[in-house]
Protein backbone atom coordinates (compact mmCIF):
# COMPACT_ATOMS: atom_id res chain seq x y z
CA MET A 1 19.63 7.23 -14.35
CA ARG A 2 17.28 7.23 -17.36
CA LEU A 3 16.64 3.90 -18.99
CA ALA A 4 16.72 3.78 -22.79
CA ILE A 5 13.87 1.72 -24.24
CA PRO A 6 13.93 0.53 -27.87
CA ARG A 7 11.24 2.09 -30.10
CA HIS A 8 10.81 -1.04 -32.26
CA PRO A 9 7.09 -1.99 -32.72
CA ALA A 10 7.67 -5.43 -31.19
CA ALA A 11 9.18 -3.82 -28.08
CA ARG A 12 6.20 -1.48 -27.81
CA ARG A 13 3.77 -4.40 -28.04
CA ALA A 14 5.71 -6.24 -25.34
CA ARG A 15 5.62 -3.21 -23.04
CA THR A 16 1.87 -2.78 -23.59
CA THR A 17 1.25 -6.45 -22.82
CA LEU A 18 3.40 -6.20 -19.70
CA LEU A 19 1.57 -3.13 -18.41
CA ALA A 20 -1.81 -4.73 -19.04
CA ALA A 21 -0.76 -7.80 -17.05
CA LEU A 22 0.62 -5.71 -14.21
CA THR A 23 -2.48 -3.50 -14.10
CA ALA A 24 -4.77 -6.52 -13.89
CA ALA A 25 -2.62 -7.95 -11.12
CA LEU A 26 -2.26 -4.80 -9.04
CA THR A 27 -5.95 -3.88 -9.15
CA ALA A 28 -6.98 -7.28 -7.83
CA LEU A 29 -4.92 -6.85 -4.65
CA PRO A 30 -6.08 -5.41 -1.30
CA LEU A 31 -5.39 -1.70 -1.00
CA ALA A 32 -3.80 0.31 1.75
CA VAL A 33 -5.18 3.79 2.35
CA ALA A 34 -3.25 7.02 1.99
CA ALA A 35 -4.48 9.93 4.09
CA PRO A 36 -6.16 12.71 2.08
CA ALA A 37 -4.12 15.84 1.53
CA GLY A 38 -4.87 18.65 3.94
CA ALA A 39 -5.05 21.39 1.29
CA ALA A 40 -8.36 23.05 0.49
CA PRO A 41 -10.31 21.82 -2.57
CA ARG A 42 -9.68 23.66 -5.82
CA ALA A 43 -11.45 23.71 -9.16
CA ALA A 44 -10.32 20.98 -11.53
CA ASP A 45 -8.25 21.96 -14.56
CA ARG A 46 -9.66 21.39 -18.03
CA LEU A 47 -7.47 18.86 -19.80
CA GLY A 48 -7.18 18.21 -23.52
CA GLY A 49 -7.65 15.03 -25.51
CA ASP A 50 -7.43 11.67 -23.79
CA TRP A 51 -6.35 13.32 -20.52
CA ALA A 52 -9.84 14.86 -20.16
CA PRO A 53 -11.33 12.23 -17.76
CA PHE A 54 -8.41 12.70 -15.32
CA ALA A 55 -8.84 16.40 -14.51
CA ARG A 56 -8.62 15.74 -10.73
CA CYS A 57 -6.03 12.94 -10.77
CA PRO A 58 -3.63 13.73 -7.88
CA VAL A 59 -0.44 13.53 -9.95
CA ASP A 60 1.27 16.07 -7.66
CA ALA A 61 0.68 14.04 -4.49
CA PRO A 62 4.01 12.92 -2.96
CA ALA A 63 3.16 9.21 -3.31
CA MET A 64 2.40 9.64 -7.02
CA LEU A 65 5.50 11.78 -7.69
CA ALA A 66 7.71 9.22 -5.95
CA ALA A 67 6.73 6.39 -8.33
CA ASP A 68 9.83 5.21 -10.20
CA GLY A 69 8.13 3.10 -12.88
CA GLU A 70 9.91 -0.04 -11.72
CA GLU A 71 9.34 -0.75 -8.02
CA THR A 72 6.31 1.56 -7.89
CA ILE A 73 3.79 2.31 -10.64
CA ALA A 74 1.41 5.32 -10.61
CA THR A 75 -1.93 5.20 -12.42
CA CYS A 76 -4.86 7.66 -12.75
CA ILE A 77 -8.42 6.34 -12.32
CA SER A 78 -11.67 8.04 -13.37
CA SER A 79 -15.26 6.82 -13.24
CA VAL A 80 -18.23 8.98 -14.23
CA SER A 81 -21.99 8.64 -14.67
CA PRO A 82 -24.41 11.35 -15.87
CA GLY A 83 -27.15 10.12 -13.50
CA GLY A 84 -29.16 7.28 -12.08
CA SER A 85 -31.19 6.57 -8.96
CA ILE A 86 -30.66 5.75 -5.31
CA THR A 87 -33.05 4.16 -2.82
CA LEU A 88 -32.43 4.81 0.88
CA GLY A 89 -34.92 2.96 3.04
CA ARG A 90 -38.36 4.04 1.78
CA THR A 91 -37.14 7.02 -0.29
CA THR A 92 -36.01 6.87 -3.93
CA ALA A 93 -34.40 9.85 -5.68
CA ARG A 94 -32.59 10.56 -8.90
CA THR A 95 -28.83 10.95 -8.62
CA GLY A 96 -27.01 13.87 -10.19
CA ALA A 97 -23.93 13.49 -12.34
CA ASN A 98 -21.03 12.07 -10.35
CA ASP A 99 -17.29 12.20 -10.95
CA LEU A 100 -15.03 9.77 -9.09
CA GLN A 101 -11.26 10.21 -9.47
CA PHE A 102 -8.17 9.05 -7.61
CA GLY A 103 -4.64 7.78 -8.13
CA VAL A 104 -3.32 4.28 -7.48
CA VAL A 105 0.31 3.52 -6.61
CA HIS A 106 1.29 -0.14 -6.87
CA ASN A 107 4.43 -1.50 -5.20
CA THR A 108 5.73 -4.37 -7.34
CA THR A 109 8.04 -5.60 -4.56
CA THR A 110 5.45 -5.93 -1.76
CA GLY A 111 2.46 -6.56 -4.02
CA THR A 112 0.44 -3.84 -2.26
CA SER A 113 -1.45 -0.92 -3.75
CA THR A 114 -2.38 2.45 -2.27
CA VAL A 115 -5.30 4.68 -3.24
CA VAL A 116 -4.32 8.35 -3.36
CA PRO A 117 -7.37 10.68 -3.24
CA PRO A 118 -7.36 14.16 -4.79
CA GLU A 119 -7.79 17.33 -2.76
CA GLY A 120 -11.39 17.76 -1.68
CA GLY A 121 -12.24 14.05 -1.84
CA ALA A 122 -12.48 11.36 -4.48
CA ILE A 123 -16.11 11.95 -5.50
CA VAL A 124 -17.78 15.13 -6.73
CA GLY A 125 -21.54 14.85 -7.14
CA ALA A 126 -24.07 17.28 -8.62
CA PRO A 127 -27.01 18.20 -6.34
CA THR A 128 -30.39 16.64 -7.10
CA GLU A 129 -33.87 17.28 -5.70
CA ILE A 130 -35.62 14.91 -3.30
CA PRO A 131 -39.13 14.10 -4.65
CA GLY A 132 -41.79 15.75 -2.49
CA GLY A 133 -39.23 17.86 -0.63
CA LEU A 134 -39.67 18.17 3.14
CA LEU A 135 -43.32 17.13 2.83
CA GLY A 136 -42.13 13.81 1.45
CA LEU A 137 -39.22 13.48 3.90
CA MET A 138 -40.95 14.10 7.23
CA CYS A 139 -44.64 15.08 6.98
CA PRO A 140 -46.97 14.42 8.65
CA GLY A 141 -45.16 14.33 11.99
CA SER A 142 -46.16 13.82 15.62
CA ILE A 143 -43.37 16.08 16.95
CA PRO A 144 -44.79 19.60 17.58
CA VAL A 145 -41.99 21.41 15.76
CA VAL A 146 -42.41 19.09 12.76
CA THR A 147 -46.17 19.61 12.72
CA GLU A 148 -45.65 23.38 12.62
CA ILE A 149 -43.08 23.12 9.82
CA CYS A 150 -45.42 20.91 7.81
CA ARG A 151 -48.16 23.56 8.18
CA LEU A 152 -45.82 26.20 6.76
CA LEU A 153 -44.68 24.20 3.73
CA THR A 154 -46.91 25.89 1.17
CA ASP A 155 -43.94 27.80 -0.27
CA ASN A 156 -42.03 25.66 -2.79
CA THR A 157 -38.74 27.29 -1.77
CA LEU A 158 -39.21 26.19 1.84
CA ASN A 159 -40.26 22.69 0.76
CA ARG A 160 -37.42 22.10 -1.72
CA VAL A 161 -34.67 19.68 -0.52
CA THR A 162 -31.47 19.03 -2.46
CA ALA A 163 -29.26 16.00 -1.89
CA THR A 164 -25.55 15.83 -2.77
CA VAL A 165 -23.30 12.77 -2.54
CA GLU A 166 -19.92 13.61 -0.94
CA SER A 167 -16.78 11.68 -0.05
CA ALA A 168 -16.65 10.43 3.55
CA GLY A 169 -13.25 8.73 3.35
CA THR A 170 -10.73 7.27 0.92
CA PRO A 171 -11.86 4.64 -1.61
CA SER A 172 -10.33 1.18 -1.24
CA HIS A 173 -10.25 -2.27 -2.91
CA PHE A 174 -10.23 -0.83 -6.42
CA ASP A 175 -10.27 -3.63 -9.00
CA LEU A 176 -10.00 -2.58 -12.65
CA ALA A 177 -10.31 -6.22 -13.72
CA ALA A 178 -13.79 -6.25 -12.14
CA GLY A 179 -14.70 -3.47 -14.54
CA LEU A 180 -14.33 -5.91 -17.42
CA SER A 181 -16.92 -8.33 -16.02
CA THR A 182 -20.30 -8.16 -14.28
CA GLY A 183 -21.26 -8.78 -10.68
CA ARG A 184 -17.88 -8.03 -9.03
CA PRO A 185 -17.35 -4.91 -6.86
CA ILE A 186 -15.12 -2.40 -8.64
CA VAL A 187 -14.33 -0.18 -5.64
CA SER A 188 -15.40 0.39 -2.03
CA LEU A 189 -16.54 4.00 -1.78
CA PRO A 190 -17.40 5.61 1.60
CA VAL A 191 -19.86 8.49 1.11
CA ARG A 192 -22.31 10.68 2.96
CA ILE A 193 -25.39 12.46 1.59
CA ARG A 194 -25.86 16.14 2.40
CA LEU A 195 -29.52 17.27 2.62
CA GLN A 196 -30.07 21.01 2.28
CA ASN A 197 -33.16 23.10 3.03
CA PRO A 198 -33.79 26.30 5.05
CA PHE A 199 -35.26 24.25 7.92
CA LEU A 200 -32.64 21.47 7.74
CA GLY A 201 -29.65 23.82 7.63
CA SER A 202 -26.38 23.07 5.83
CA GLN A 203 -25.04 20.32 8.15
CA CYS A 204 -27.79 17.72 7.70
CA PHE A 205 -26.22 14.42 6.61
CA ILE A 206 -27.06 10.79 6.11
CA GLY A 207 -23.75 9.07 6.78
CA SER A 208 -20.50 10.47 8.18
CA ALA A 209 -16.76 9.83 8.22
CA ALA A 210 -17.25 7.69 11.35
CA ASP A 211 -20.34 5.89 10.01
CA PRO A 212 -20.36 6.20 6.19
CA ILE A 213 -22.56 4.69 3.54
CA VAL A 214 -20.13 2.29 1.82
CA LEU A 215 -21.04 1.82 -1.84
CA ARG A 216 -19.56 -1.09 -3.78
CA PRO A 217 -20.75 -0.51 -7.35
CA ARG A 218 -20.41 -3.33 -9.85
CA ASN A 219 -21.32 -3.72 -13.52
CA THR A 220 -24.85 -4.97 -14.05
CA THR A 221 -24.37 -4.86 -17.82
CA ALA A 222 -21.07 -5.47 -19.65
CA PRO A 223 -19.08 -2.41 -20.79
CA ALA A 224 -17.46 -1.79 -24.15
CA PHE A 225 -13.67 -2.13 -23.80
CA ALA A 226 -10.96 -0.22 -25.66
CA VAL A 227 -7.20 0.30 -25.30
CA GLN A 228 -6.11 3.78 -26.41
CA ARG A 229 -2.61 5.26 -26.90
CA PHE A 230 -1.91 8.99 -26.74
CA ARG A 231 0.89 11.50 -26.39
CA GLY A 232 1.80 13.20 -23.14
CA ASP A 233 -0.33 16.26 -24.07
CA GLY A 234 -3.44 14.11 -24.64
CA THR A 235 -3.33 13.85 -28.43
CA ARG A 236 -4.39 10.40 -29.68
CA ASP A 237 -1.38 8.64 -31.20
CA ASP A 238 -0.81 4.90 -31.69
CA GLU A 239 2.87 5.51 -30.92
CA GLY A 240 2.24 7.73 -27.88
CA ASP A 241 3.84 7.33 -24.46
CA MET A 242 0.51 7.08 -22.62
CA LEU A 243 -1.95 4.19 -22.42
CA ARG A 244 -5.62 4.39 -21.43
CA PHE A 245 -8.08 1.57 -20.76
CA ALA A 246 -11.68 2.70 -21.46
CA LEU A 247 -14.71 0.79 -20.12
CA THR A 248 -17.86 2.56 -21.29
CA GLY A 249 -21.58 2.48 -21.99
CA ASN A 250 -22.73 0.17 -19.21
CA THR A 251 -24.92 0.26 -16.09
CA GLN A 252 -23.50 -0.11 -12.60
CA GLY A 253 -25.34 -0.79 -9.36
CA ASP A 254 -25.19 -1.89 -5.74
CA SER A 255 -27.80 -3.26 -3.34
CA THR A 256 -25.46 -4.42 -0.57
CA PHE A 257 -24.97 -1.19 1.39
CA ALA A 258 -26.54 -0.18 4.70
CA VAL A 259 -27.72 3.36 5.49
CA PRO A 260 -27.29 4.97 8.95
CA ARG A 261 -29.50 7.51 10.71
CA ALA A 262 -29.68 11.20 9.75
CA ARG A 263 -27.50 13.63 11.73
CA GLY A 264 -27.36 17.41 12.20
CA CYS A 265 -30.78 18.12 10.68
CA GLY A 266 -32.40 21.27 12.08
CA VAL A 267 -31.32 23.19 15.17
CA LEU A 268 -29.58 20.78 17.57
CA GLY A 269 -30.66 17.88 15.33
CA VAL A 270 -34.33 18.27 16.27
CA LEU A 271 -35.45 17.03 12.82
CA ASN A 272 -33.26 13.90 12.72
CA GLY A 273 -35.96 11.65 14.14
CA ALA A 274 -38.66 12.87 11.76
CA ILE A 275 -36.49 12.14 8.72
CA ASP A 276 -35.48 8.73 10.09
CA LEU A 277 -39.09 7.76 10.83
CA LYS A 278 -40.52 8.77 7.45
CA THR A 279 -37.56 7.55 5.37
CA GLY A 280 -37.05 4.28 7.24
CA LEU A 281 -33.56 4.88 8.64
CA PRO A 282 -31.38 3.22 9.66
CA SER A 283 -31.88 0.84 6.77
CA PRO A 284 -29.97 -2.49 6.68
CA ALA A 285 -28.14 -3.94 3.70
CA GLY A 286 -30.50 -5.40 1.12
CA ARG A 287 -33.15 -2.68 1.48
CA ASN A 288 -31.28 0.01 -0.41
CA ASN A 289 -30.23 0.28 -4.04
CA LEU A 290 -27.99 2.33 -6.32
CA VAL A 291 -28.18 2.49 -10.13
CA LEU A 292 -25.63 4.42 -12.23
CA ASN A 293 -26.55 4.78 -15.90
CA ASP A 294 -24.17 5.08 -18.86
CA ALA A 295 -21.08 4.64 -16.66
CA ALA A 296 -17.56 5.19 -18.02
CA THR A 297 -14.38 4.06 -16.23
CA TYR A 298 -10.88 4.97 -17.37
CA SER A 299 -7.41 3.92 -16.21
CA GLY A 300 -4.43 5.84 -17.58
CA GLY A 301 -0.66 5.83 -17.12
CA LEU A 302 2.70 5.52 -18.86
CA THR A 303 2.90 2.75 -21.43
CA ALA A 304 5.56 0.73 -19.62
CA PRO A 305 7.14 0.29 -16.20
CA GLY A 306 10.70 1.57 -16.31
CA MET A 307 10.30 3.98 -19.23
CA TYR A 308 11.39 7.00 -17.22
CA LEU A 309 13.50 5.67 -14.36
CA PRO A 310 13.90 7.02 -11.78
CA ASP A 311 11.23 9.73 -12.24
CA ALA A 312 8.18 8.03 -13.80
CA GLY A 313 5.81 9.74 -11.34
CA LYS A 314 7.29 13.15 -12.09
CA GLN A 315 7.05 12.47 -15.82
CA LEU A 316 3.38 11.54 -15.41
CA ALA A 317 2.79 14.88 -13.63
CA ARG A 318 4.65 16.80 -16.36
CA PHE A 319 2.55 15.15 -19.04
CA ARG A 320 -0.67 15.93 -17.16
CA HIS A 321 0.26 19.60 -16.73
CA SER A 322 1.18 19.86 -20.42
CA ALA A 323 -2.43 18.92 -21.27
CA VAL A 324 -4.03 21.81 -19.32
CA LEU A 325 -6.21 23.93 -21.62
CA PRO A 326 -6.06 27.75 -21.41
């Protein structure tokens, strides 16, 4: 059955107020974790207008499609930063651009919320270079194989090390209300860092699914806040069926996370110890730091619970697909 909702301006204002209250309430609650989809990662679609930040929102996931807009509410979340810095033990590096996206399904009956990650993981990070390369990561070294590698590192290609932040699990404890303030964790984000170099191989990681680095970024400066309405295809419209909260222009950071040992570096992990020794791993909480500059966090969904009963989740997916650019 489809519920008819009056289009009177006062009714619209009431629905917007109701959704804002529900969003603040649901994001402050503990989150259950939905298992990631088993499908292979695919390239994100390009979306038009105000849908643009949600290119990887998992609107087609069963949990999102099942949202009815009354008992369950589906929302898309996006948080991006063009760059910053990360300190792991004794090593500090610039971070590449990162793109964090996931869906949230809130059950209004039980008061619980579930994070739904997109295919391929919630975070996509751009690779960045480690200052000093392998020379900075593990030279000099007392292990014979390390000493020999250090002697060979006159070629910049052999010395160059790239680091990429990857998902190592499903985000949890997302709190949009924390995004409006400073000092409160916005999300718990399990990640690993892939180090790549001809000597290190392609399976050299700091952190893993079993022992991740758990980042809990929070605002260190206050964001600008805006409420934006748009049509299902992404076109900005004060009478549109979609609502987006935008929190932009601020700095986020975290200094509470611990960092585990390196794993899988070199043949049979022979270079793990050299990286740990030079970098200072494992490194306990309080000795590491993350800074994300010019952060932008968006939360988007239908303007009101109950607008499209019983298929609010399916309507959200239809709107998202209508915004795909050729």
